[in-house]
Amino acid sequence: DLVYRLEQLSDEDRAQALRDRARQRGLQLSDEVLHWILTHCDRDMGRLTALIDSLDQYSLARHRSITLPLLKDLLADVPAPPRNP
């Protein structure tokens, strides 16, 4: 029998996964933006990757590069999804 053990990602692993997701979309996220996301947003990787996708679309629609002020604008414009209990 195969046994799989799931473990939580470390902050470094989460940051790398988000960098990779951004790179796949042709984006480069600054350390400042990544740090802010990891300290202020939900830790769920599904939600974090959806945030990167939304940030890409938001930056394209506004013809602005991805910065911390742009990220905060996005989060202010889009209502947060309900958290899982």
PDB file of N, CA and C in Angstrom:
ATOM      1  N   ASP A   1       0.833  -1.182   0.000  1.00  0.00           N
ATOM      2  CA  ASP A   1       0.000   0.000   0.000  1.00  0.00           C
ATOM      3  C   ASP A   1       0.883   1.252   0.000  1.00  0.00           C
ATOM      4  N   LEU A   2       0.439   2.218  -0.764  1.00  0.00           N
ATOM      5  CA  LEU A   2       1.128   3.503  -0.776  1.00  0.00           C
ATOM      6  C   LEU A   2       0.546   4.402   0.291  1.00  0.00           C
ATOM      7  N   VAL A   3       1.420   5.134   0.932  1.00  0.00           N
ATOM      8  CA  VAL A   3       0.991   6.091   1.940  1.00  0.00           C
ATOM      9  C   VAL A   3       1.565   7.445   1.553  1.00  0.00           C
ATOM     10  N   TYR A   4       0.697   8.454   1.511  1.00  0.00           N
ATOM     11  CA  TYR A   4       1.128   9.818   1.215  1.00  0.00           C
ATOM     12  C   TYR A   4       0.914  10.669   2.447  1.00  0.00           C
ATOM     13  N   ARG A   5       1.877  11.509   2.714  1.00  0.00           N
ATOM     14  CA  ARG A   5       1.763  12.418   3.842  1.00  0.00           C
ATOM     15  C   ARG A   5       1.743  13.837   3.292  1.00  0.00           C
ATOM     16  N   LEU A   6       0.717  14.581   3.636  1.00  0.00           N
ATOM     17  CA  LEU A   6       0.610  15.961   3.205  1.00  0.00           C
ATOM     18  C   LEU A   6       1.136  16.871   4.310  1.00  0.00           C
ATOM     19  N   GLU A   7       1.946  17.813   3.918  1.00  0.00           N
ATOM     20  CA  GLU A   7       2.494  18.756   4.887  1.00  0.00           C
ATOM     21  C   GLU A   7       2.206  20.173   4.428  1.00  0.00           C
ATOM     22  N   GLN A   8       2.131  21.063   5.396  1.00  0.00           N
ATOM     23  CA  GLN A   8       1.947  22.477   5.093  1.00  0.00           C
ATOM     24  C   GLN A   8       3.208  23.011   4.421  1.00  0.00           C
ATOM     25  N   LEU A   9       3.007  23.927   3.481  1.00  0.00           N
ATOM     26  CA  LEU A   9       4.157  24.577   2.848  1.00  0.00           C
ATOM     27  C   LEU A   9       4.729  25.624   3.782  1.00  0.00           C
ATOM     28  N   SER A  10       6.024  25.768   3.745  1.00  0.00           N
ATOM     29  CA  SER A  10       6.663  26.837   4.504  1.00  0.00           C
ATOM     30  C   SER A  10       6.420  28.156   3.772  1.00  0.00           C
ATOM     31  N   ASP A  11       6.702  29.272   4.425  1.00  0.00           N
ATOM     32  CA  ASP A  11       6.554  30.573   3.769  1.00  0.00           C
ATOM     33  C   ASP A  11       7.441  30.671   2.534  1.00  0.00           C
ATOM     34  N   GLU A  12       8.634  30.102   2.610  1.00  0.00           N
ATOM     35  CA  GLU A  12       9.543  30.129   1.462  1.00  0.00           C
ATOM     36  C   GLU A  12       8.969  29.323   0.298  1.00  0.00           C
ATOM     37  N   ASP A  13       8.378  28.169   0.619  1.00  0.00           N
ATOM     38  CA  ASP A  13       7.766  27.342  -0.428  1.00  0.00           C
ATOM     39  C   ASP A  13       6.554  28.039  -1.041  1.00  0.00           C
ATOM     40  N   ARG A  14       5.747  28.698  -0.195  1.00  0.00           N
ATOM     41  CA  ARG A  14       4.598  29.450  -0.708  1.00  0.00           C
ATOM     42  C   ARG A  14       5.070  30.580  -1.617  1.00  0.00           C
ATOM     43  N   ALA A  15       6.082  31.312  -1.173  1.00  0.00           N
ATOM     44  CA  ALA A  15       6.610  32.420  -1.973  1.00  0.00           C
ATOM     45  C   ALA A  15       7.131  31.910  -3.311  1.00  0.00           C
ATOM     46  N   GLN A  16       7.839  30.790  -3.299  1.00  0.00           N
ATOM     47  CA  GLN A  16       8.361  30.235  -4.550  1.00  0.00           C
ATOM     48  C   GLN A  16       7.233  29.783  -5.465  1.00  0.00           C
ATOM     49  N   ALA A  17       6.204  29.165  -4.903  1.00  0.00           N
ATOM     50  CA  ALA A  17       5.057  28.739  -5.711  1.00  0.00           C
ATOM     51  C   ALA A  17       4.360  29.946  -6.344  1.00  0.00           C
ATOM     52  N   LEU A  18       4.238  31.039  -5.592  1.00  0.00           N
ATOM     53  CA  LEU A  18       3.614  32.241  -6.142  1.00  0.00           C
ATOM     54  C   LEU A  18       4.496  32.890  -7.204  1.00  0.00           C
ATOM     55  N   ARG A  19       5.809  32.891  -6.979  1.00  0.00           N
ATOM     56  CA  ARG A  19       6.739  33.398  -8.003  1.00  0.00           C
ATOM     57  C   ARG A  19       6.609  32.587  -9.290  1.00  0.00           C
ATOM     58  N   ASP A  20       6.540  31.264  -9.139  1.00  0.00           N
ATOM     59  CA  ASP A  20       6.416  30.384 -10.308  1.00  0.00           C
ATOM     60  C   ASP A  20       5.105  30.649 -11.036  1.00  0.00           C
ATOM     61  N   ARG A  21       4.024  30.809 -10.291  1.00  0.00           N
ATOM     62  CA  ARG A  21       2.723  31.091 -10.905  1.00  0.00           C
ATOM     63  C   ARG A  21       2.770  32.419 -11.668  1.00  0.00           C
ATOM     64  N   ALA A  22       3.374  33.414 -11.038  1.00  0.00           N
ATOM     65  CA  ALA A  22       3.496  34.725 -11.686  1.00  0.00           C
ATOM     66  C   ALA A  22       4.355  34.615 -12.940  1.00  0.00           C
ATOM     67  N   ARG A  23       5.459  33.891 -12.846  1.00  0.00           N
ATOM     68  CA  ARG A  23       6.359  33.730 -13.990  1.00  0.00           C
ATOM     69  C   ARG A  23       5.650  33.041 -15.149  1.00  0.00           C
ATOM     70  N   GLN A  24       4.794  32.064 -14.860  1.00  0.00           N
ATOM     71  CA  GLN A  24       4.016  31.385 -15.898  1.00  0.00           C
ATOM     72  C   GLN A  24       3.105  32.365 -16.632  1.00  0.00           C
ATOM     73  N   ARG A  25       2.685  33.407 -15.939  1.00  0.00           N
ATOM     74  CA  ARG A  25       1.813  34.421 -16.529  1.00  0.00           C
ATOM     75  C   ARG A  25       2.614  35.594 -17.098  1.00  0.00           C
ATOM     76  N   GLY A  26       3.945  35.493 -17.072  1.00  0.00           N
ATOM     77  CA  GLY A  26       4.786  36.554 -17.608  1.00  0.00           C
ATOM     78  C   GLY A  26       4.972  37.723 -16.659  1.00  0.00           C
ATOM     79  N   LEU A  27       4.782  37.473 -15.369  1.00  0.00           N
ATOM     80  CA  LEU A  27       4.893  38.527 -14.357  1.00  0.00           C
ATOM     81  C   LEU A  27       6.130  38.319 -13.505  1.00  0.00           C
ATOM     82  N   GLN A  28       6.581  39.407 -12.929  1.00  0.00           N
ATOM     83  CA  GLN A  28       7.633  39.314 -11.926  1.00  0.00           C
ATOM     84  C   GLN A  28       7.142  40.048 -10.689  1.00  0.00           C
ATOM     85  N   LEU A  29       7.031  39.325  -9.583  1.00  0.00           N
ATOM     86  CA  LEU A  29       6.559  39.916  -8.343  1.00  0.00           C
ATOM     87  C   LEU A  29       7.744  40.336  -7.486  1.00  0.00           C
ATOM     88  N   SER A  30       7.672  41.527  -6.951  1.00  0.00           N
ATOM     89  CA  SER A  30       8.744  42.001  -6.078  1.00  0.00           C
ATOM     90  C   SER A  30       8.662  41.276  -4.735  1.00  0.00           C
ATOM     91  N   ASP A  31       9.776  41.263  -4.024  1.00  0.00           N
ATOM     92  CA  ASP A  31       9.790  40.666  -2.684  1.00  0.00           C
ATOM     93  C   ASP A  31       8.813  41.391  -1.769  1.00  0.00           C
ATOM     94  N   GLU A  32       8.671  42.706  -1.954  1.00  0.00           N
ATOM     95  CA  GLU A  32       7.750  43.497  -1.137  1.00  0.00           C
ATOM     96  C   GLU A  32       6.309  43.027  -1.323  1.00  0.00           C
ATOM     97  N   VAL A  33       5.903  42.821  -2.570  1.00  0.00           N
ATOM     98  CA  VAL A  33       4.545  42.360  -2.862  1.00  0.00           C
ATOM     99  C   VAL A  33       4.332  40.945  -2.311  1.00  0.00           C
ATOM    100  N   LEU A  34       5.281  40.063  -2.530  1.00  0.00           N
ATOM    101  CA  LEU A  34       5.158  38.693  -2.009  1.00  0.00           C
ATOM    102  C   LEU A  34       5.067  38.671  -0.494  1.00  0.00           C
ATOM    103  N   HIS A  35       5.922  39.438   0.153  1.00  0.00           N
ATOM    104  CA  HIS A  35       5.911  39.479   1.623  1.00  0.00           C
ATOM    105  C   HIS A  35       4.557  39.975   2.127  1.00  0.00           C
ATOM    106  N   TRP A  36       4.028  41.017   1.495  1.00  0.00           N
ATOM    107  CA  TRP A  36       2.745  41.576   1.928  1.00  0.00           C
ATOM    108  C   TRP A  36       1.632  40.542   1.743  1.00  0.00           C
ATOM    109  N   ILE A  37       1.624  39.865   0.607  1.00  0.00           N
ATOM    110  CA  ILE A  37       0.609  38.841   0.355  1.00  0.00           C
ATOM    111  C   ILE A  37       0.671  37.761   1.432  1.00  0.00           C
ATOM    112  N   LEU A  38       1.863  37.301   1.745  1.00  0.00           N
ATOM    113  CA  LEU A  38       2.011  36.202   2.704  1.00  0.00           C
ATOM    114  C   LEU A  38       1.717  36.614   4.138  1.00  0.00           C
ATOM    115  N   THR A  39       1.792  37.888   4.437  1.00  0.00           N
ATOM    116  CA  THR A  39       1.519  38.325   5.809  1.00  0.00           C
ATOM    117  C   THR A  39       0.114  38.901   5.994  1.00  0.00           C
ATOM    118  N   HIS A  40      -0.586  39.214   4.899  1.00  0.00           N
ATOM    119  CA  HIS A  40      -1.899  39.851   5.029  1.00  0.00           C
ATOM    120  C   HIS A  40      -3.046  39.090   4.381  1.00  0.00           C
ATOM    121  N   CYS A  41      -2.762  38.061   3.633  1.00  0.00           N
ATOM    122  CA  CYS A  41      -3.820  37.340   2.904  1.00  0.00           C
ATOM    123  C   CYS A  41      -3.983  35.932   3.456  1.00  0.00           C
ATOM    124  N   ASP A  42      -5.099  35.334   3.093  1.00  0.00           N
ATOM    125  CA  ASP A  42      -5.398  33.958   3.465  1.00  0.00           C
ATOM    126  C   ASP A  42      -4.250  33.053   3.013  1.00  0.00           C
ATOM    127  N   ARG A  43      -3.898  32.061   3.792  1.00  0.00           N
ATOM    128  CA  ARG A  43      -2.753  31.191   3.505  1.00  0.00           C
ATOM    129  C   ARG A  43      -3.083  30.042   2.552  1.00  0.00           C
ATOM    130  N   ASP A  44      -4.338  29.896   2.166  1.00  0.00           N
ATOM    131  CA  ASP A  44      -4.762  28.828   1.273  1.00  0.00           C
ATOM    132  C   ASP A  44      -4.140  29.029  -0.111  1.00  0.00           C
ATOM    133  N   MET A  45      -3.427  28.031  -0.616  1.00  0.00           N
ATOM    134  CA  MET A  45      -2.730  28.166  -1.900  1.00  0.00           C
ATOM    135  C   MET A  45      -3.686  28.372  -3.063  1.00  0.00           C
ATOM    136  N   GLY A  46      -4.863  27.788  -3.011  1.00  0.00           N
ATOM    137  CA  GLY A  46      -5.843  28.014  -4.068  1.00  0.00           C
ATOM    138  C   GLY A  46      -6.233  29.478  -4.149  1.00  0.00           C
ATOM    139  N   ARG A  47      -6.455  30.080  -3.005  1.00  0.00           N
ATOM    140  CA  ARG A  47      -6.810  31.506  -2.969  1.00  0.00           C
ATOM    141  C   ARG A  47      -5.626  32.386  -3.335  1.00  0.00           C
ATOM    142  N   LEU A  48      -4.439  31.984  -2.921  1.00  0.00           N
ATOM    143  CA  LEU A  48      -3.256  32.782  -3.253  1.00  0.00           C
ATOM    144  C   LEU A  48      -2.975  32.767  -4.755  1.00  0.00           C
ATOM    145  N   THR A  49      -3.108  31.611  -5.378  1.00  0.00           N
ATOM    146  CA  THR A  49      -2.885  31.569  -6.829  1.00  0.00           C
ATOM    147  C   THR A  49      -3.989  32.313  -7.573  1.00  0.00           C
ATOM    148  N   ALA A  50      -5.219  32.255  -7.068  1.00  0.00           N
ATOM    149  CA  ALA A  50      -6.308  33.031  -7.674  1.00  0.00           C
ATOM    150  C   ALA A  50      -6.026  34.525  -7.534  1.00  0.00           C
ATOM    151  N   LEU A  51      -5.417  34.922  -6.428  1.00  0.00           N
ATOM    152  CA  LEU A  51      -5.055  36.327  -6.241  1.00  0.00           C
ATOM    153  C   LEU A  51      -4.015  36.759  -7.268  1.00  0.00           C
ATOM    154  N   ILE A  52      -3.035  35.919  -7.544  1.00  0.00           N
ATOM    155  CA  ILE A  52      -2.023  36.241  -8.556  1.00  0.00           C
ATOM    156  C   ILE A  52      -2.692  36.398  -9.927  1.00  0.00           C
ATOM    157  N   ASP A  53      -3.612  35.500 -10.254  1.00  0.00           N
ATOM    158  CA  ASP A  53      -4.330  35.597 -11.529  1.00  0.00           C
ATOM    159  C   ASP A  53      -5.135  36.889 -11.603  1.00  0.00           C
ATOM    160  N   SER A  54      -5.825  37.226 -10.521  1.00  0.00           N
ATOM    161  CA  SER A  54      -6.614  38.463 -10.479  1.00  0.00           C
ATOM    162  C   SER A  54      -5.717  39.689 -10.565  1.00  0.00           C
ATOM    163  N   LEU A  55      -4.589  39.633  -9.905  1.00  0.00           N
ATOM    164  CA  LEU A  55      -3.651  40.752  -9.937  1.00  0.00           C
ATOM    165  C   LEU A  55      -3.116  40.973 -11.344  1.00  0.00           C
ATOM    166  N   ASP A  56      -2.868  39.908 -12.065  1.00  0.00           N
ATOM    167  CA  ASP A  56      -2.431  40.011 -13.452  1.00  0.00           C
ATOM    168  C   ASP A  56      -3.498  40.711 -14.298  1.00  0.00           C
ATOM    169  N   GLN A  57      -4.728  40.240 -14.208  1.00  0.00           N
ATOM    170  CA  GLN A  57      -5.823  40.842 -14.978  1.00  0.00           C
ATOM    171  C   GLN A  57      -6.043  42.299 -14.590  1.00  0.00           C
ATOM    172  N   TYR A  58      -5.982  42.584 -13.304  1.00  0.00           N
ATOM    173  CA  TYR A  58      -6.194  43.942 -12.794  1.00  0.00           C
ATOM    174  C   TYR A  58      -5.114  44.892 -13.309  1.00  0.00           C
ATOM    175  N   SER A  59      -3.877  44.440 -13.288  1.00  0.00           N
ATOM    176  CA  SER A  59      -2.778  45.292 -13.756  1.00  0.00           C
ATOM    177  C   SER A  59      -2.885  45.542 -15.258  1.00  0.00           C
ATOM    178  N   LEU A  60      -3.298  44.534 -16.017  1.00  0.00           N
ATOM    179  CA  LEU A  60      -3.476  44.711 -17.458  1.00  0.00           C
ATOM    180  C   LEU A  60      -4.613  45.686 -17.760  1.00  0.00           C
ATOM    181  N   ALA A  61      -5.712  45.565 -17.044  1.00  0.00           N
ATOM    182  CA  ALA A  61      -6.863  46.434 -17.278  1.00  0.00           C
ATOM    183  C   ALA A  61      -6.545  47.895 -16.948  1.00  0.00           C
ATOM    184  N   ARG A  62      -5.649  48.108 -16.004  1.00  0.00           N
ATOM    185  CA  ARG A  62      -5.315  49.470 -15.578  1.00  0.00           C
ATOM    186  C   ARG A  62      -4.004  49.977 -16.176  1.00  0.00           C
ATOM    187  N   HIS A  63      -3.378  49.142 -16.997  1.00  0.00           N
ATOM    188  CA  HIS A  63      -2.113  49.504 -17.645  1.00  0.00           C
ATOM    189  C   HIS A  63      -1.083  49.975 -16.620  1.00  0.00           C
ATOM    190  N   ARG A  64      -0.984  49.213 -15.522  1.00  0.00           N
ATOM    191  CA  ARG A  64      -0.042  49.541 -14.451  1.00  0.00           C
ATOM    192  C   ARG A  64       0.772  48.302 -14.109  1.00  0.00           C
ATOM    193  N   SER A  65       1.997  48.529 -13.702  1.00  0.00           N
ATOM    194  CA  SER A  65       2.824  47.402 -13.267  1.00  0.00           C
ATOM    195  C   SER A  65       2.374  46.980 -11.868  1.00  0.00           C
ATOM    196  N   ILE A  66       2.768  45.771 -11.504  1.00  0.00           N
ATOM    197  CA  ILE A  66       2.348  45.228 -10.215  1.00  0.00           C
ATOM    198  C   ILE A  66       3.231  45.805  -9.112  1.00  0.00           C
ATOM    199  N   THR A  67       2.586  46.563  -8.251  1.00  0.00           N
ATOM    200  CA  THR A  67       3.234  47.182  -7.105  1.00  0.00           C
ATOM    201  C   THR A  67       2.352  46.952  -5.886  1.00  0.00           C
ATOM    202  N   LEU A  68       2.859  47.272  -4.728  1.00  0.00           N
ATOM    203  CA  LEU A  68       2.072  47.134  -3.514  1.00  0.00           C
ATOM    204  C   LEU A  68       0.828  48.025  -3.543  1.00  0.00           C
ATOM    205  N   PRO A  69       0.927  49.296  -3.993  1.00  0.00           N
ATOM    206  CA  PRO A  69      -0.298  50.105  -4.079  1.00  0.00           C
ATOM    207  C   PRO A  69      -1.343  49.504  -5.031  1.00  0.00           C
ATOM    208  N   LEU A  70      -0.912  48.909  -6.140  1.00  0.00           N
ATOM    209  CA  LEU A  70      -1.858  48.283  -7.064  1.00  0.00           C
ATOM    210  C   LEU A  70      -2.530  47.084  -6.398  1.00  0.00           C
ATOM    211  N   LEU A  71      -1.767  46.279  -5.690  1.00  0.00           N
ATOM    212  CA  LEU A  71      -2.324  45.131  -4.974  1.00  0.00           C
ATOM    213  C   LEU A  71      -3.375  45.585  -3.972  1.00  0.00           C
ATOM    214  N   LYS A  72      -3.073  46.634  -3.225  1.00  0.00           N
ATOM    215  CA  LYS A  72      -4.026  47.143  -2.234  1.00  0.00           C
ATOM    216  C   LYS A  72      -5.271  47.701  -2.916  1.00  0.00           C
ATOM    217  N   ASP A  73      -5.105  48.336  -4.077  1.00  0.00           N
ATOM    218  CA  ASP A  73      -6.265  48.815  -4.844  1.00  0.00           C
ATOM    219  C   ASP A  73      -7.151  47.646  -5.262  1.00  0.00           C
ATOM    220  N   LEU A  74      -6.526  46.579  -5.747  1.00  0.00           N
ATOM    221  CA  LEU A  74      -7.281  45.391  -6.148  1.00  0.00           C
ATOM    222  C   LEU A  74      -8.082  44.845  -4.974  1.00  0.00           C
ATOM    223  N   LEU A  75      -7.437  44.697  -3.843  1.00  0.00           N
ATOM    224  CA  LEU A  75      -8.109  44.123  -2.680  1.00  0.00           C
ATOM    225  C   LEU A  75      -9.210  45.035  -2.163  1.00  0.00           C
ATOM    226  N   ALA A  76      -9.068  46.339  -2.345  1.00  0.00           N
ATOM    227  CA  ALA A  76     -10.118  47.275  -1.927  1.00  0.00           C
ATOM    228  C   ALA A  76     -11.306  47.237  -2.884  1.00  0.00           C
ATOM    229  N   ASP A  77     -11.047  46.946  -4.168  1.00  0.00           N
ATOM    230  CA  ASP A  77     -12.109  46.931  -5.185  1.00  0.00           C
ATOM    231  C   ASP A  77     -12.888  45.625  -5.217  1.00  0.00           C
ATOM    232  N   VAL A  78     -12.255  44.536  -4.825  1.00  0.00           N
ATOM    233  CA  VAL A  78     -12.869  43.212  -4.932  1.00  0.00           C
ATOM    234  C   VAL A  78     -13.228  42.718  -3.536  1.00  0.00           C
ATOM    235  N   PRO A  79     -14.499  42.382  -3.300  1.00  0.00           N
ATOM    236  CA  PRO A  79     -14.862  41.856  -1.981  1.00  0.00           C
ATOM    237  C   PRO A  79     -14.164  40.522  -1.718  1.00  0.00           C
ATOM    238  N   ALA A  80     -13.736  40.337  -0.501  1.00  0.00           N
ATOM    239  CA  ALA A  80     -13.046  39.101  -0.126  1.00  0.00           C
ATOM    240  C   ALA A  80     -14.038  37.946  -0.068  1.00  0.00           C
ATOM    241  N   PRO A  81     -13.625  36.762  -0.549  1.00  0.00           N
ATOM    242  CA  PRO A  81     -14.506  35.603  -0.444  1.00  0.00           C
ATOM    243  C   PRO A  81     -14.624  35.174   1.009  1.00  0.00           C
ATOM    244  N   PRO A  82     -15.700  34.512   1.368  1.00  0.00           N
ATOM    245  CA  PRO A  82     -15.856  34.055   2.761  1.00  0.00           C
ATOM    246  C   PRO A  82     -14.772  33.043   3.101  1.00  0.00           C
ATOM    247  N   ARG A  83     -14.319  33.080   4.325  1.00  0.00           N
ATOM    248  CA  ARG A  83     -13.290  32.135   4.787  1.00  0.00           C
ATOM    249  C   ARG A  83     -13.925  30.829   5.176  1.00  0.00           C
ATOM    250  N   ASN A  84     -13.173  29.758   5.002  1.00  0.00           N
ATOM    251  CA  ASN A  84     -13.638  28.444   5.463  1.00  0.00           C
ATOM    252  C   ASN A  84     -13.497  28.379   6.954  1.00  0.00           C
ATOM    253  N   PRO A  85     -14.464  27.771   7.661  1.00  0.00           N
ATOM    254  CA  PRO A  85     -14.355  27.663   9.137  1.00  0.00           C
ATOM    255  C   PRO A  85     -13.251  26.747   9.557  1.00  0.00           C
TER     256      PRO A  85
END
